[in-house]
Amino acid sequence: MTDNAEAQPREPRGDDSVTRTLNLVGERWMMLILREAFFGVHRYGQFAQNLGIPRPTLSNRLGKLVDVGLLSRERYAGGPIRSDYEYRLTQAGLDLFPAIQILMAWGNTYLPDDPTGRSTVTWTHDVCGSPTHPRLTCDQCGEPVTAHNVHPTRDTP
């Protein structure tokens, strides 16, 4: 065994914000349900049809997303008993939009369309009508933020 003077003990990262977030939304169906909500899907039947998800799984995941405050369940007028609710993104859910958009852009770049006919989804900016691509910028100076020009700092109590 070699003694490495540069080796520093590392803090365990088992309870950081990334871990907590992934524990909440990292399961496949959770992110796909949120994606559909961003595409404008609100009703149980639409989620089930678009995702091809087993109905018990969908009920469970929608319930969890409501319980943690990413979706709200709201009654709408009319409709069959099972489908008389709509699921709407809450502010906490809406705040996940950049993450969904960046995952989609990454997939479009590194996992592009394939011969089976899957299509690439892009976003169009309603204000100017142009296709838009996610860009992370510093909220203080407006400059682009990349993995090469930032570093983590830990808040201390």
Protein backbone atom coordinates (compact mmCIF):
# COMPACT_ATOMS: atom_id res chain seq x y z
CA MET A 1 0.00 0.00 0.00
CA THR A 2 1.40 3.40 -0.97
CA ASP A 3 1.22 6.40 1.30
CA ASN A 4 -0.15 9.27 -0.76
CA ALA A 5 0.50 12.61 0.95
CA GLU A 6 -1.91 14.35 -1.44
CA ALA A 7 -4.84 12.13 -0.57
CA GLN A 8 -7.35 14.07 1.46
CA PRO A 9 -10.19 12.52 3.39
CA ARG A 10 -13.42 13.13 1.54
CA GLU A 11 -16.74 13.98 3.05
CA PRO A 12 -19.37 11.38 2.30
CA ARG A 13 -21.87 12.70 -0.21
CA GLY A 14 -24.73 10.35 0.54
CA ASP A 15 -27.09 13.10 1.65
CA ASP A 16 -26.37 15.96 -0.72
CA SER A 17 -28.98 17.77 -2.81
CA VAL A 18 -28.29 15.65 -5.92
CA THR A 19 -28.84 12.42 -3.98
CA ARG A 20 -32.02 13.75 -2.38
CA THR A 21 -33.35 14.95 -5.74
CA LEU A 22 -32.59 11.65 -7.47
CA ASN A 23 -34.22 9.76 -4.61
CA LEU A 24 -37.32 11.81 -5.32
CA VAL A 25 -37.51 11.95 -9.13
CA GLY A 26 -34.74 9.67 -10.38
CA GLU A 27 -36.94 6.66 -10.99
CA ARG A 28 -37.73 6.29 -14.70
CA TRP A 29 -41.50 6.71 -14.53
CA MET A 30 -41.31 9.80 -12.35
CA MET A 31 -39.26 11.73 -14.91
CA LEU A 32 -41.40 10.51 -17.80
CA ILE A 33 -44.60 11.60 -16.03
CA LEU A 34 -43.04 15.01 -15.40
CA ARG A 35 -41.97 15.20 -19.05
CA GLU A 36 -45.53 14.50 -20.16
CA ALA A 37 -46.81 17.18 -17.76
CA PHE A 38 -44.42 19.67 -19.41
CA PHE A 39 -45.83 18.58 -22.79
CA GLY A 40 -49.29 19.58 -21.54
CA VAL A 41 -50.70 16.25 -20.38
CA HIS A 42 -53.00 16.63 -17.37
CA ARG A 43 -55.33 13.62 -17.25
CA TYR A 44 -54.73 10.12 -15.97
CA GLY A 45 -55.82 8.45 -19.22
CA GLN A 46 -53.51 10.66 -21.28
CA PHE A 47 -50.54 9.75 -19.08
CA ALA A 48 -51.40 6.05 -19.32
CA GLN A 49 -51.81 6.13 -23.09
CA ASN A 50 -48.74 8.25 -23.86
CA LEU A 51 -46.41 6.34 -21.55
CA GLY A 52 -47.70 2.79 -21.88
CA ILE A 53 -47.26 2.56 -18.11
CA PRO A 54 -49.12 -0.06 -16.07
CA ARG A 55 -52.08 1.66 -14.40
CA PRO A 56 -51.18 0.62 -10.83
CA THR A 57 -47.68 2.02 -11.37
CA LEU A 58 -49.11 5.25 -12.80
CA SER A 59 -51.49 5.67 -9.85
CA ASN A 60 -48.65 5.10 -7.41
CA ARG A 61 -46.26 7.54 -9.11
CA LEU A 62 -48.89 10.26 -9.57
CA GLY A 63 -49.74 9.91 -5.88
CA LYS A 64 -46.08 10.28 -4.93
CA LEU A 65 -45.64 13.33 -7.17
CA VAL A 66 -48.68 14.91 -5.52
CA ASP A 67 -47.49 13.94 -2.02
CA VAL A 68 -44.08 15.57 -2.52
CA GLY A 69 -45.61 18.69 -4.04
CA LEU A 70 -44.46 18.46 -7.66
CA LEU A 71 -47.98 17.96 -9.00
CA SER A 72 -51.34 19.05 -7.68
CA ARG A 73 -54.48 17.03 -8.19
CA GLU A 74 -57.43 19.20 -9.17
CA ARG A 75 -61.01 18.27 -9.90
CA TYR A 76 -62.46 19.29 -13.25
CA ALA A 77 -66.08 19.43 -14.29
CA GLY A 78 -67.49 16.37 -15.99
CA GLY A 79 -65.76 13.18 -16.97
CA PRO A 80 -65.91 9.64 -15.66
CA ILE A 81 -65.26 9.05 -11.96
CA ARG A 82 -61.73 7.72 -12.44
CA SER A 83 -60.74 10.57 -14.72
CA ASP A 84 -62.35 13.53 -13.02
CA TYR A 85 -59.01 14.88 -11.81
CA GLU A 86 -56.27 16.71 -13.60
CA TYR A 87 -52.66 16.76 -12.53
CA ARG A 88 -50.99 20.14 -12.75
CA LEU A 89 -47.37 21.08 -12.17
CA THR A 90 -46.88 23.08 -8.99
CA GLN A 91 -44.22 25.78 -8.76
CA ALA A 92 -41.79 23.17 -7.44
CA GLY A 93 -42.61 20.98 -10.45
CA LEU A 94 -42.29 23.88 -12.88
CA ASP A 95 -38.88 24.64 -11.42
CA LEU A 96 -37.69 21.25 -12.75
CA PHE A 97 -38.23 22.43 -16.34
CA PRO A 98 -34.57 23.35 -16.93
CA ALA A 99 -33.49 19.86 -15.83
CA ILE A 100 -35.97 18.19 -18.21
CA GLN A 101 -34.98 20.53 -21.04
CA ILE A 102 -31.26 19.89 -20.52
CA LEU A 103 -31.79 16.10 -20.38
CA MET A 104 -33.75 16.29 -23.64
CA ALA A 105 -31.05 18.40 -25.33
CA TRP A 106 -28.34 16.01 -24.14
CA GLY A 107 -30.31 13.06 -25.50
CA ASN A 108 -30.89 14.84 -28.82
CA THR A 109 -27.13 15.37 -29.13
CA TYR A 110 -25.72 12.11 -27.82
CA LEU A 111 -28.60 9.69 -28.38
CA PRO A 112 -30.13 11.03 -31.62
CA ASP A 113 -33.03 9.66 -33.60
CA ASP A 114 -32.74 6.07 -34.62
CA PRO A 115 -34.10 3.98 -37.52
CA THR A 116 -37.16 2.90 -35.48
CA GLY A 117 -38.68 6.31 -36.11
CA ARG A 118 -38.29 8.01 -32.74
CA SER A 119 -38.23 11.73 -33.26
CA THR A 120 -36.25 14.48 -31.62
CA VAL A 121 -38.31 16.95 -29.64
CA THR A 122 -37.15 20.53 -29.55
CA TRP A 123 -38.61 23.60 -27.87
CA THR A 124 -39.84 26.71 -29.68
CA HIS A 125 -39.67 30.03 -27.85
CA ASP A 126 -43.18 31.54 -27.86
CA VAL A 127 -41.87 35.11 -27.72
CA CYS A 128 -39.72 35.06 -30.89
CA GLY A 129 -40.87 31.83 -32.58
CA SER A 130 -37.36 30.41 -32.85
CA PRO A 131 -36.12 27.01 -31.74
CA THR A 132 -34.42 27.38 -28.38
CA HIS A 133 -31.74 25.38 -26.67
CA PRO A 134 -31.00 25.31 -22.96
CA ARG A 135 -28.12 27.45 -21.80
CA LEU A 136 -26.94 27.73 -18.24
CA THR A 137 -25.83 31.24 -17.30
CA CYS A 138 -24.67 32.93 -14.13
CA ASP A 139 -27.56 34.76 -12.51
CA GLN A 140 -25.15 37.49 -11.37
CA CYS A 141 -23.16 38.36 -14.50
CA GLY A 142 -25.01 36.55 -17.31
CA GLU A 143 -21.92 34.69 -18.54
CA PRO A 144 -22.26 31.02 -19.58
CA VAL A 145 -21.64 28.48 -16.82
CA THR A 146 -19.72 25.32 -17.73
CA ALA A 147 -18.08 22.50 -15.82
CA HIS A 148 -14.76 24.28 -16.49
CA ASN A 149 -15.56 27.68 -14.99
CA VAL A 150 -17.32 26.90 -11.70
CA HIS A 151 -16.41 25.01 -8.54
CA PRO A 152 -18.46 23.71 -5.63
CA THR A 153 -18.40 25.48 -2.31
CA ARG A 154 -20.10 24.22 0.78
CA ASP A 155 -22.24 26.53 2.88
CA THR A 156 -21.18 26.38 6.49
CA PRO A 157 -23.63 27.02 9.32
